[in-house]
Amino acid sequence: LIFNFNFDTEFQVESYLRHQGKAFV
């Protein structure tokens, strides 16, 4: 429950979308 306070991937949905985007490329 601790935020990193940066723009790295933190939320599960962020990780999922980035994975989908990279796989599509």
mmCIF file of all heavy atoms, coordinates in Angstrom:
data_MODEL
# 
_entry.id   MODEL 
# 
loop_
_atom_site.group_PDB 
_atom_site.id 
_atom_site.type_symbol 
_atom_site.label_atom_id 
_atom_site.label_alt_id 
_atom_site.label_comp_id 
_atom_site.label_asym_id 
_atom_site.label_entity_id 
_atom_site.label_seq_id 
_atom_site.pdbx_PDB_ins_code 
_atom_site.Cartn_x 
_atom_site.Cartn_y 
_atom_site.Cartn_z 
_atom_site.occupancy 
_atom_site.B_iso_or_equiv 
_atom_site.pdbx_formal_charge 
_atom_site.auth_seq_id 
_atom_site.auth_comp_id 
_atom_site.auth_asym_id 
_atom_site.auth_atom_id 
_atom_site.pdbx_PDB_model_num 
ATOM 1   N N   . LEU A 1 1  ? 0.826  -1.208  0.000   1.00 0.00 ? 1  LEU A N   1 
ATOM 2   C CA  . LEU A 1 1  ? 0.000  0.000   0.000   1.00 0.00 ? 1  LEU A CA  1 
ATOM 3   C C   . LEU A 1 1  ? 0.860  1.257   0.000   1.00 0.00 ? 1  LEU A C   1 
ATOM 4   O O   . LEU A 1 1  ? 0.360  2.362   0.159   1.00 0.00 ? 1  LEU A O   1 
ATOM 5   C CB  . LEU A 1 1  ? -0.924 0.003   1.226   1.00 0.00 ? 1  LEU A CB  1 
ATOM 6   C CG  . LEU A 1 1  ? -1.959 -1.127  1.280   1.00 0.00 ? 1  LEU A CG  1 
ATOM 7   C CD1 . LEU A 1 1  ? -2.779 -1.035  2.558   1.00 0.00 ? 1  LEU A CD1 1 
ATOM 8   C CD2 . LEU A 1 1  ? -2.869 -1.078  0.066   1.00 0.00 ? 1  LEU A CD2 1 
ATOM 9   N N   . ILE A 1 2  ? 2.150  1.082   -0.188  1.00 0.00 ? 2  ILE A N   1 
ATOM 10  C CA  . ILE A 1 2  ? 3.075  2.214   -0.143  1.00 0.00 ? 2  ILE A CA  1 
ATOM 11  C C   . ILE A 1 2  ? 3.351  2.706   -1.551  1.00 0.00 ? 2  ILE A C   1 
ATOM 12  O O   . ILE A 1 2  ? 3.786  1.938   -2.422  1.00 0.00 ? 2  ILE A O   1 
ATOM 13  C CB  . ILE A 1 2  ? 4.396  1.799   0.539   1.00 0.00 ? 2  ILE A CB  1 
ATOM 14  C CG1 . ILE A 1 2  ? 4.114  1.301   1.970   1.00 0.00 ? 2  ILE A CG1 1 
ATOM 15  C CG2 . ILE A 1 2  ? 5.374  2.968   0.564   1.00 0.00 ? 2  ILE A CG2 1 
ATOM 16  C CD1 . ILE A 1 2  ? 5.334  0.730   2.658   1.00 0.00 ? 2  ILE A CD1 1 
ATOM 17  N N   . PHE A 1 3  ? 3.098  3.973   -1.822  1.00 0.00 ? 3  PHE A N   1 
ATOM 18  C CA  . PHE A 1 3  ? 3.360  4.567   -3.131  1.00 0.00 ? 3  PHE A CA  1 
ATOM 19  C C   . PHE A 1 3  ? 4.845  4.873   -3.288  1.00 0.00 ? 3  PHE A C   1 
ATOM 20  O O   . PHE A 1 3  ? 5.552  5.188   -2.326  1.00 0.00 ? 3  PHE A O   1 
ATOM 21  C CB  . PHE A 1 3  ? 2.553  5.848   -3.320  1.00 0.00 ? 3  PHE A CB  1 
ATOM 22  C CG  . PHE A 1 3  ? 1.066  5.633   -3.332  1.00 0.00 ? 3  PHE A CG  1 
ATOM 23  C CD1 . PHE A 1 3  ? 0.226  6.523   -2.676  1.00 0.00 ? 3  PHE A CD1 1 
ATOM 24  C CD2 . PHE A 1 3  ? 0.502  4.553   -3.990  1.00 0.00 ? 3  PHE A CD2 1 
ATOM 25  C CE1 . PHE A 1 3  ? -1.143 6.338   -2.684  1.00 0.00 ? 3  PHE A CE1 1 
ATOM 26  C CE2 . PHE A 1 3  ? -0.863 4.358   -3.996  1.00 0.00 ? 3  PHE A CE2 1 
ATOM 27  C CZ  . PHE A 1 3  ? -1.691 5.243   -3.341  1.00 0.00 ? 3  PHE A CZ  1 
ATOM 28  N N   . ASN A 1 4  ? 5.313  4.817   -4.531  1.00 0.00 ? 4  ASN A N   1 
ATOM 29  C CA  . ASN A 1 4  ? 6.718  5.125   -4.827  1.00 0.00 ? 4  ASN A CA  1 
ATOM 30  C C   . ASN A 1 4  ? 6.955  6.613   -5.075  1.00 0.00 ? 4  ASN A C   1 
ATOM 31  O O   . ASN A 1 4  ? 8.101  7.067   -5.073  1.00 0.00 ? 4  ASN A O   1 
ATOM 32  C CB  . ASN A 1 4  ? 7.191  4.348   -6.058  1.00 0.00 ? 4  ASN A CB  1 
ATOM 33  C CG  . ASN A 1 4  ? 7.241  2.856   -5.817  1.00 0.00 ? 4  ASN A CG  1 
ATOM 34  O OD1 . ASN A 1 4  ? 7.435  2.407   -4.683  1.00 0.00 ? 4  ASN A OD1 1 
ATOM 35  N ND2 . ASN A 1 4  ? 7.055  2.078   -6.873  1.00 0.00 ? 4  ASN A ND2 1 
ATOM 36  N N   . PHE A 1 5  ? 5.884  7.334   -5.365  1.00 0.00 ? 5  PHE A N   1 
ATOM 37  C CA  . PHE A 1 5  ? 5.970  8.758   -5.671  1.00 0.00 ? 5  PHE A CA  1 
ATOM 38  C C   . PHE A 1 5  ? 6.924  9.034   -6.841  1.00 0.00 ? 5  PHE A C   1 
ATOM 39  O O   . PHE A 1 5  ? 7.769  9.917   -6.801  1.00 0.00 ? 5  PHE A O   1 
ATOM 40  C CB  . PHE A 1 5  ? 6.366  9.571   -4.429  1.00 0.00 ? 5  PHE A CB  1 
ATOM 41  C CG  . PHE A 1 5  ? 5.294  9.557   -3.374  1.00 0.00 ? 5  PHE A CG  1 
ATOM 42  C CD1 . PHE A 1 5  ? 5.360  8.657   -2.317  1.00 0.00 ? 5  PHE A CD1 1 
ATOM 43  C CD2 . PHE A 1 5  ? 4.198  10.398  -3.458  1.00 0.00 ? 5  PHE A CD2 1 
ATOM 44  C CE1 . PHE A 1 5  ? 4.346  8.613   -1.360  1.00 0.00 ? 5  PHE A CE1 1 
ATOM 45  C CE2 . PHE A 1 5  ? 3.184  10.367  -2.500  1.00 0.00 ? 5  PHE A CE2 1 
ATOM 46  C CZ  . PHE A 1 5  ? 3.257  9.463   -1.448  1.00 0.00 ? 5  PHE A CZ  1 
ATOM 47  N N   . ASN A 1 6  ? 6.753  8.228   -7.902  1.00 0.00 ? 6  ASN A N   1 
ATOM 48  C CA  . ASN A 1 6  ? 7.455  8.452   -9.171  1.00 0.00 ? 6  ASN A CA  1 
ATOM 49  C C   . ASN A 1 6  ? 6.553  7.948   -10.294 1.00 0.00 ? 6  ASN A C   1 
ATOM 50  O O   . ASN A 1 6  ? 5.387  7.627   -10.059 1.00 0.00 ? 6  ASN A O   1 
ATOM 51  C CB  . ASN A 1 6  ? 8.823  7.770   -9.185  1.00 0.00 ? 6  ASN A CB  1 
ATOM 52  C CG  . ASN A 1 6  ? 8.743  6.266   -8.966  1.00 0.00 ? 6  ASN A CG  1 
ATOM 53  O OD1 . ASN A 1 6  ? 7.806  5.600   -9.425  1.00 0.00 ? 6  ASN A OD1 1 
ATOM 54  N ND2 . ASN A 1 6  ? 9.723  5.713   -8.240  1.00 0.00 ? 6  ASN A ND2 1 
ATOM 55  N N   . PHE A 1 7  ? 7.092  7.885   -11.512 1.00 0.00 ? 7  PHE A N   1 
ATOM 56  C CA  . PHE A 1 7  ? 6.265  7.501   -12.662 1.00 0.00 ? 7  PHE A CA  1 
ATOM 57  C C   . PHE A 1 7  ? 6.556  6.093   -13.160 1.00 0.00 ? 7  PHE A C   1 
ATOM 58  O O   . PHE A 1 7  ? 6.230  5.748   -14.297 1.00 0.00 ? 7  PHE A O   1 
ATOM 59  C CB  . PHE A 1 7  ? 6.432  8.530   -13.783 1.00 0.00 ? 7  PHE A CB  1 
ATOM 60  C CG  . PHE A 1 7  ? 5.956  9.909   -13.389 1.00 0.00 ? 7  PHE A CG  1 
ATOM 61  C CD1 . PHE A 1 7  ? 6.862  10.908  -13.092 1.00 0.00 ? 7  PHE A CD1 1 
ATOM 62  C CD2 . PHE A 1 7  ? 4.606  10.174  -13.285 1.00 0.00 ? 7  PHE A CD2 1 
ATOM 63  C CE1 . PHE A 1 7  ? 6.430  12.161  -12.706 1.00 0.00 ? 7  PHE A CE1 1 
ATOM 64  C CE2 . PHE A 1 7  ? 4.157  11.427  -12.908 1.00 0.00 ? 7  PHE A CE2 1 
ATOM 65  C CZ  . PHE A 1 7  ? 5.064  12.424  -12.606 1.00 0.00 ? 7  PHE A CZ  1 
ATOM 66  N N   . ASP A 1 8  ? 7.162  5.265   -12.301 1.00 0.00 ? 8  ASP A N   1 
ATOM 67  C CA  . ASP A 1 8  ? 7.328  3.859   -12.646 1.00 0.00 ? 8  ASP A CA  1 
ATOM 68  C C   . ASP A 1 8  ? 5.975  3.154   -12.569 1.00 0.00 ? 8  ASP A C   1 
ATOM 69  O O   . ASP A 1 8  ? 4.995  3.696   -12.040 1.00 0.00 ? 8  ASP A O   1 
ATOM 70  C CB  . ASP A 1 8  ? 8.314  3.195   -11.680 1.00 0.00 ? 8  ASP A CB  1 
ATOM 71  C CG  . ASP A 1 8  ? 9.733  3.700   -11.868 1.00 0.00 ? 8  ASP A CG  1 
ATOM 72  O OD1 . ASP A 1 8  ? 10.016 4.229   -12.960 1.00 0.00 ? 8  ASP A OD1 1 
ATOM 73  O OD2 . ASP A 1 8  ? 10.534 3.587   -10.922 1.00 0.00 ? 8  ASP A OD2 1 
ATOM 74  N N   . THR A 1 9  ? 5.942  1.923   -13.075 1.00 0.00 ? 9  THR A N   1 
ATOM 75  C CA  . THR A 1 9  ? 4.710  1.141   -13.025 1.00 0.00 ? 9  THR A CA  1 
ATOM 76  C C   . THR A 1 9  ? 4.426  0.725   -11.589 1.00 0.00 ? 9  THR A C   1 
ATOM 77  O O   . THR A 1 9  ? 5.221  0.022   -10.965 1.00 0.00 ? 9  THR A O   1 
ATOM 78  C CB  . THR A 1 9  ? 4.839  -0.113  -13.904 1.00 0.00 ? 9  THR A CB  1 
ATOM 79  O OG1 . THR A 1 9  ? 5.169  0.277   -15.229 1.00 0.00 ? 9  THR A OG1 1 
ATOM 80  C CG2 . THR A 1 9  ? 3.533  -0.891  -13.930 1.00 0.00 ? 9  THR A CG2 1 
ATOM 81  N N   . GLU A 1 10 ? 3.279  1.178   -11.054 1.00 0.00 ? 10 GLU A N   1 
ATOM 82  C CA  . GLU A 1 10 ? 2.916  0.842   -9.681  1.00 0.00 ? 10 GLU A CA  1 
ATOM 83  C C   . GLU A 1 10 ? 1.636  0.014   -9.611  1.00 0.00 ? 10 GLU A C   1 
ATOM 84  O O   . GLU A 1 10 ? 1.583  -0.996  -8.922  1.00 0.00 ? 10 GLU A O   1 
ATOM 85  C CB  . GLU A 1 10 ? 2.729  2.118   -8.860  1.00 0.00 ? 10 GLU A CB  1 
ATOM 86  C CG  . GLU A 1 10 ? 4.013  2.888   -8.607  1.00 0.00 ? 10 GLU A CG  1 
ATOM 87  C CD  . GLU A 1 10 ? 3.770  4.062   -7.668  1.00 0.00 ? 10 GLU A CD  1 
ATOM 88  O OE1 . GLU A 1 10 ? 3.848  3.857   -6.444  1.00 0.00 ? 10 GLU A OE1 1 
ATOM 89  O OE2 . GLU A 1 10 ? 3.497  5.166   -8.166  1.00 0.00 ? 10 GLU A OE2 1 
ATOM 90  N N   . PHE A 1 11 ? 0.596  0.446   -10.327 1.00 0.00 ? 11 PHE A N   1 
ATOM 91  C CA  . PHE A 1 11 ? -0.683 -0.245  -10.263 1.00 0.00 ? 11 PHE A CA  1 
ATOM 92  C C   . PHE A 1 11 ? -0.690 -1.447  -11.202 1.00 0.00 ? 11 PHE A C   1 
ATOM 93  O O   . PHE A 1 11 ? -0.052 -1.445  -12.256 1.00 0.00 ? 11 PHE A O   1 
ATOM 94  C CB  . PHE A 1 11 ? -1.816 0.715   -10.630 1.00 0.00 ? 11 PHE A CB  1 
ATOM 95  C CG  . PHE A 1 11 ? -2.069 1.778   -9.592  1.00 0.00 ? 11 PHE A CG  1 
ATOM 96  C CD1 . PHE A 1 11 ? -1.450 3.011   -9.687  1.00 0.00 ? 11 PHE A CD1 1 
ATOM 97  C CD2 . PHE A 1 11 ? -2.918 1.523   -8.526  1.00 0.00 ? 11 PHE A CD2 1 
ATOM 98  C CE1 . PHE A 1 11 ? -1.679 3.990   -8.739  1.00 0.00 ? 11 PHE A CE1 1 
ATOM 99  C CE2 . PHE A 1 11 ? -3.156 2.498   -7.564  1.00 0.00 ? 11 PHE A CE2 1 
ATOM 100 C CZ  . PHE A 1 11 ? -2.531 3.744   -7.671  1.00 0.00 ? 11 PHE A CZ  1 
ATOM 101 N N   . GLN A 1 12 ? -1.431 -2.476  -10.792 1.00 0.00 ? 12 GLN A N   1 
ATOM 102 C CA  . GLN A 1 12 ? -1.532 -3.678  -11.604 1.00 0.00 ? 12 GLN A CA  1 
ATOM 103 C C   . GLN A 1 12 ? -2.051 -3.363  -13.009 1.00 0.00 ? 12 GLN A C   1 
ATOM 104 O O   . GLN A 1 12 ? -1.586 -3.929  -13.993 1.00 0.00 ? 12 GLN A O   1 
ATOM 105 C CB  . GLN A 1 12 ? -2.469 -4.691  -10.929 1.00 0.00 ? 12 GLN A CB  1 
ATOM 106 C CG  . GLN A 1 12 ? -1.940 -5.287  -9.639  1.00 0.00 ? 12 GLN A CG  1 
ATOM 107 C CD  . GLN A 1 12 ? -0.910 -6.390  -9.880  1.00 0.00 ? 12 GLN A CD  1 
ATOM 108 O OE1 . GLN A 1 12 ? -0.500 -6.630  -11.008 1.00 0.00 ? 12 GLN A OE1 1 
ATOM 109 N NE2 . GLN A 1 12 ? -0.503 -7.050  -8.813  1.00 0.00 ? 12 GLN A NE2 1 
ATOM 110 N N   . VAL A 1 13 ? -3.015 -2.460  -13.096 1.00 0.00 ? 13 VAL A N   1 
ATOM 111 C CA  . VAL A 1 13 ? -3.583 -2.138  -14.403 1.00 0.00 ? 13 VAL A CA  1 
ATOM 112 C C   . VAL A 1 13 ? -2.552 -1.464  -15.300 1.00 0.00 ? 13 VAL A C   1 
ATOM 113 O O   . VAL A 1 13 ? -2.547 -1.665  -16.520 1.00 0.00 ? 13 VAL A O   1 
ATOM 114 C CB  . VAL A 1 13 ? -4.858 -1.276  -14.255 1.00 0.00 ? 13 VAL A CB  1 
ATOM 115 C CG1 . VAL A 1 13 ? -4.537 0.124   -13.725 1.00 0.00 ? 13 VAL A CG1 1 
ATOM 116 C CG2 . VAL A 1 13 ? -5.604 -1.207  -15.574 1.00 0.00 ? 13 VAL A CG2 1 
ATOM 117 N N   . GLU A 1 14 ? -1.642 -0.678  -14.719 1.00 0.00 ? 14 GLU A N   1 
ATOM 118 C CA  . GLU A 1 14 ? -0.566 -0.069  -15.510 1.00 0.00 ? 14 GLU A CA  1 
ATOM 119 C C   . GLU A 1 14 ? 0.337  -1.146  -16.089 1.00 0.00 ? 14 GLU A C   1 
ATOM 120 O O   . GLU A 1 14 ? 0.708  -1.110  -17.274 1.00 0.00 ? 14 GLU A O   1 
ATOM 121 C CB  . GLU A 1 14 ? 0.265  0.873   -14.640 1.00 0.00 ? 14 GLU A CB  1 
ATOM 122 C CG  . GLU A 1 14 ? -0.440 2.113   -14.165 1.00 0.00 ? 14 GLU A CG  1 
ATOM 123 C CD  . GLU A 1 14 ? 0.442  2.935   -13.238 1.00 0.00 ? 14 GLU A CD  1 
ATOM 124 O OE1 . GLU A 1 14 ? 1.028  2.353   -12.300 1.00 0.00 ? 14 GLU A OE1 1 
ATOM 125 O OE2 . GLU A 1 14 ? 0.539  4.152   -13.452 1.00 0.00 ? 14 GLU A OE2 1 
ATOM 126 N N   . SER A 1 15 ? 0.689  -2.114  -15.256 1.00 0.00 ? 15 SER A N   1 
ATOM 127 C CA  . SER A 1 15 ? 1.554  -3.208  -15.703 1.00 0.00 ? 15 SER A CA  1 
ATOM 128 C C   . SER A 1 15 ? 0.899  -4.002  -16.818 1.00 0.00 ? 15 SER A C   1 
ATOM 129 O O   . SER A 1 15 ? 1.544  -4.355  -17.820 1.00 0.00 ? 15 SER A O   1 
ATOM 130 C CB  . SER A 1 15 ? 1.872  -4.117  -14.513 1.00 0.00 ? 15 SER A CB  1 
ATOM 131 O OG  . SER A 1 15 ? 2.643  -5.232  -14.920 1.00 0.00 ? 15 SER A OG  1 
ATOM 132 N N   . TYR A 1 16 ? -0.396 -4.259  -16.663 1.00 0.00 ? 16 TYR A N   1 
ATOM 133 C CA  . TYR A 1 16 ? -1.137 -5.026  -17.669 1.00 0.00 ? 16 TYR A CA  1 
ATOM 134 C C   . TYR A 1 16 ? -1.155 -4.294  -19.002 1.00 0.00 ? 16 TYR A C   1 
ATOM 135 O O   . TYR A 1 16 ? -0.875 -4.889  -20.060 1.00 0.00 ? 16 TYR A O   1 
ATOM 136 C CB  . TYR A 1 16 ? -2.556 -5.266  -17.163 1.00 0.00 ? 16 TYR A CB  1 
ATOM 137 C CG  . TYR A 1 16 ? -3.483 -5.876  -18.190 1.00 0.00 ? 16 TYR A CG  1 
ATOM 138 C CD1 . TYR A 1 16 ? -3.455 -7.244  -18.452 1.00 0.00 ? 16 TYR A CD1 1 
ATOM 139 C CD2 . TYR A 1 16 ? -4.393 -5.091  -18.894 1.00 0.00 ? 16 TYR A CD2 1 
ATOM 140 C CE1 . TYR A 1 16 ? -4.310 -7.805  -19.386 1.00 0.00 ? 16 TYR A CE1 1 
ATOM 141 C CE2 . TYR A 1 16 ? -5.251 -5.648  -19.833 1.00 0.00 ? 16 TYR A CE2 1 
ATOM 142 C CZ  . TYR A 1 16 ? -5.202 -7.003  -20.070 1.00 0.00 ? 16 TYR A CZ  1 
ATOM 143 O OH  . TYR A 1 16 ? -6.041 -7.563  -20.999 1.00 0.00 ? 16 TYR A OH  1 
ATOM 144 N N   . LEU A 1 17 ? -1.467 -3.017  -18.994 1.00 0.00 ? 17 LEU A N   1 
ATOM 145 C CA  . LEU A 1 17 ? -1.557 -2.259  -20.239 1.00 0.00 ? 17 LEU A CA  1 
ATOM 146 C C   . LEU A 1 17 ? -0.194 -2.164  -20.927 1.00 0.00 ? 17 LEU A C   1 
ATOM 147 O O   . LEU A 1 17 ? -0.104 -2.266  -22.156 1.00 0.00 ? 17 LEU A O   1 
ATOM 148 C CB  . LEU A 1 17 ? -2.108 -0.859  -19.973 1.00 0.00 ? 17 LEU A CB  1 
ATOM 149 C CG  . LEU A 1 17 ? -3.607 -0.796  -19.649 1.00 0.00 ? 17 LEU A CG  1 
ATOM 150 C CD1 . LEU A 1 17 ? -3.996 0.608   -19.236 1.00 0.00 ? 17 LEU A CD1 1 
ATOM 151 C CD2 . LEU A 1 17 ? -4.438 -1.253  -20.839 1.00 0.00 ? 17 LEU A CD2 1 
ATOM 152 N N   . ARG A 1 18 ? 0.845  -1.961  -20.153 1.00 0.00 ? 18 ARG A N   1 
ATOM 153 C CA  . ARG A 1 18 ? 2.180  -1.886  -20.762 1.00 0.00 ? 18 ARG A CA  1 
ATOM 154 C C   . ARG A 1 18 ? 2.572  -3.229  -21.372 1.00 0.00 ? 18 ARG A C   1 
ATOM 155 O O   . ARG A 1 18 ? 3.181  -3.278  -22.446 1.00 0.00 ? 18 ARG A O   1 
ATOM 156 C CB  . ARG A 1 18 ? 3.208  -1.430  -19.724 1.00 0.00 ? 18 ARG A CB  1 
ATOM 157 C CG  . ARG A 1 18 ? 2.994  0.000   -19.272 1.00 0.00 ? 18 ARG A CG  1 
ATOM 158 C CD  . ARG A 1 18 ? 4.142  0.527   -18.451 1.00 0.00 ? 18 ARG A CD  1 
ATOM 159 N NE  . ARG A 1 18 ? 3.818  1.828   -17.874 1.00 0.00 ? 18 ARG A NE  1 
ATOM 160 C CZ  . ARG A 1 18 ? 4.699  2.614   -17.271 1.00 0.00 ? 18 ARG A CZ  1 
ATOM 161 N NH1 . ARG A 1 18 ? 5.969  2.233   -17.165 1.00 0.00 ? 18 ARG A NH1 1 
ATOM 162 N NH2 . ARG A 1 18 ? 4.327  3.777   -16.767 1.00 0.00 ? 18 ARG A NH2 1 
ATOM 163 N N   . HIS A 1 19 ? 2.221  -4.302  -20.688 1.00 0.00 ? 19 HIS A N   1 
ATOM 164 C CA  . HIS A 1 19 ? 2.512  -5.628  -21.253 1.00 0.00 ? 19 HIS A CA  1 
ATOM 165 C C   . HIS A 1 19 ? 1.761  -5.826  -22.561 1.00 0.00 ? 19 HIS A C   1 
ATOM 166 O O   . HIS A 1 19 ? 2.341  -6.310  -23.549 1.00 0.00 ? 19 HIS A O   1 
ATOM 167 C CB  . HIS A 1 19 ? 2.116  -6.720  -20.254 1.00 0.00 ? 19 HIS A CB  1 
ATOM 168 C CG  . HIS A 1 19 ? 2.138  -8.099  -20.836 1.00 0.00 ? 19 HIS A CG  1 
ATOM 169 N ND1 . HIS A 1 19 ? 3.318  -8.784  -21.070 1.00 0.00 ? 19 HIS A ND1 1 
ATOM 170 C CD2 . HIS A 1 19 ? 1.128  -8.912  -21.269 1.00 0.00 ? 19 HIS A CD2 1 
ATOM 171 C CE1 . HIS A 1 19 ? 3.030  -9.962  -21.610 1.00 0.00 ? 19 HIS A CE1 1 
ATOM 172 N NE2 . HIS A 1 19 ? 1.717  -10.061 -21.739 1.00 0.00 ? 19 HIS A NE2 1 
ATOM 173 N N   . GLN A 1 20 ? 0.476  -5.464  -22.577 1.00 0.00 ? 20 GLN A N   1 
ATOM 174 C CA  . GLN A 1 20 ? -0.311 -5.609  -23.803 1.00 0.00 ? 20 GLN A CA  1 
ATOM 175 C C   . GLN A 1 20 ? 0.274  -4.772  -24.934 1.00 0.00 ? 20 GLN A C   1 
ATOM 176 O O   . GLN A 1 20 ? 0.346  -5.213  -26.081 1.00 0.00 ? 20 GLN A O   1 
ATOM 177 C CB  . GLN A 1 20 ? -1.763 -5.196  -23.540 1.00 0.00 ? 20 GLN A CB  1 
ATOM 178 C CG  . GLN A 1 20 ? -2.539 -6.140  -22.626 1.00 0.00 ? 20 GLN A CG  1 
ATOM 179 C CD  . GLN A 1 20 ? -2.744 -7.507  -23.243 1.00 0.00 ? 20 GLN A CD  1 
ATOM 180 O OE1 . GLN A 1 20 ? -2.930 -7.647  -24.452 1.00 0.00 ? 20 GLN A OE1 1 
ATOM 181 N NE2 . GLN A 1 20 ? -2.712 -8.541  -22.419 1.00 0.00 ? 20 GLN A NE2 1 
ATOM 182 N N   . GLY A 1 21 ? 0.675  -3.553  -24.621 1.00 0.00 ? 21 GLY A N   1 
ATOM 183 C CA  . GLY A 1 21 ? 1.255  -2.686  -25.642 1.00 0.00 ? 21 GLY A CA  1 
ATOM 184 C C   . GLY A 1 21 ? 2.545  -3.230  -26.204 1.00 0.00 ? 21 GLY A C   1 
ATOM 185 O O   . GLY A 1 21 ? 2.755  -3.246  -27.425 1.00 0.00 ? 21 GLY A O   1 
ATOM 186 N N   . LYS A 1 22 ? 3.432  -3.697  -25.336 1.00 0.00 ? 22 LYS A N   1 
ATOM 187 C CA  . LYS A 1 22 ? 4.723  -4.222  -25.788 1.00 0.00 ? 22 LYS A CA  1 
ATOM 188 C C   . LYS A 1 22 ? 4.542  -5.490  -26.612 1.00 0.00 ? 22 LYS A C   1 
ATOM 189 O O   . LYS A 1 22 ? 5.218  -5.683  -27.634 1.00 0.00 ? 22 LYS A O   1 
ATOM 190 C CB  . LYS A 1 22 ? 5.615  -4.485  -24.577 1.00 0.00 ? 22 LYS A CB  1 
ATOM 191 C CG  . LYS A 1 22 ? 6.104  -3.219  -23.880 1.00 0.00 ? 22 LYS A CG  1 
ATOM 192 C CD  . LYS A 1 22 ? 6.906  -3.541  -22.622 1.00 0.00 ? 22 LYS A CD  1 
ATOM 193 C CE  . LYS A 1 22 ? 7.358  -2.272  -21.926 1.00 0.00 ? 22 LYS A CE  1 
ATOM 194 N NZ  . LYS A 1 22 ? 8.071  -2.564  -20.645 1.00 0.00 ? 22 LYS A NZ  1 
ATOM 195 N N   . ALA A 1 23 ? 3.647  -6.364  -26.180 1.00 0.00 ? 23 ALA A N   1 
ATOM 196 C CA  . ALA A 1 23 ? 3.413  -7.607  -26.925 1.00 0.00 ? 23 ALA A CA  1 
ATOM 197 C C   . ALA A 1 23 ? 2.840  -7.306  -28.305 1.00 0.00 ? 23 ALA A C   1 
ATOM 198 O O   . ALA A 1 23 ? 3.177  -7.979  -29.297 1.00 0.00 ? 23 ALA A O   1 
ATOM 199 C CB  . ALA A 1 23 ? 2.472  -8.514  -26.132 1.00 0.00 ? 23 ALA A CB  1 
ATOM 200 N N   . PHE A 1 24 ? 1.993  -6.292  -28.399 1.00 0.00 ? 24 PHE A N   1 
ATOM 201 C CA  . PHE A 1 24 ? 1.372  -5.941  -29.675 1.00 0.00 ? 24 PHE A CA  1 
ATOM 202 C C   . PHE A 1 24 ? 2.411  -5.434  -30.667 1.00 0.00 ? 24 PHE A C   1 
ATOM 203 O O   . PHE A 1 24 ? 2.360  -5.761  -31.860 1.00 0.00 ? 24 PHE A O   1 
ATOM 204 C CB  . PHE A 1 24 ? 0.297  -4.885  -29.439 1.00 0.00 ? 24 PHE A CB  1 
ATOM 205 C CG  . PHE A 1 24 ? -0.545 -4.587  -30.644 1.00 0.00 ? 24 PHE A CG  1 
ATOM 206 C CD1 . PHE A 1 24 ? -1.447 -5.515  -31.129 1.00 0.00 ? 24 PHE A CD1 1 
ATOM 207 C CD2 . PHE A 1 24 ? -0.440 -3.371  -31.304 1.00 0.00 ? 24 PHE A CD2 1 
ATOM 208 C CE1 . PHE A 1 24 ? -2.233 -5.243  -32.236 1.00 0.00 ? 24 PHE A CE1 1 
ATOM 209 C CE2 . PHE A 1 24 ? -1.222 -3.086  -32.410 1.00 0.00 ? 24 PHE A CE2 1 
ATOM 210 C CZ  . PHE A 1 24 ? -2.122 -4.027  -32.881 1.00 0.00 ? 24 PHE A CZ  1 
ATOM 211 N N   . VAL A 1 25 ? 3.354  -4.645  -30.196 1.00 0.00 ? 25 VAL A N   1 
ATOM 212 C CA  . VAL A 1 25 ? 4.397  -4.095  -31.069 1.00 0.00 ? 25 VAL A CA  1 
ATOM 213 C C   . VAL A 1 25 ? 5.189  -5.208  -31.737 1.00 0.00 ? 25 VAL A C   1 
ATOM 214 O O   . VAL A 1 25 ? 5.611  -5.076  -32.889 1.00 0.00 ? 25 VAL A O   1 
ATOM 215 C CB  . VAL A 1 25 ? 5.328  -3.169  -30.259 1.00 0.00 ? 25 VAL A CB  1 
ATOM 216 C CG1 . VAL A 1 25 ? 6.564  -2.798  -31.069 1.00 0.00 ? 25 VAL A CG1 1 
ATOM 217 C CG2 . VAL A 1 25 ? 4.583  -1.908  -29.835 1.00 0.00 ? 25 VAL A CG2 1 
# 
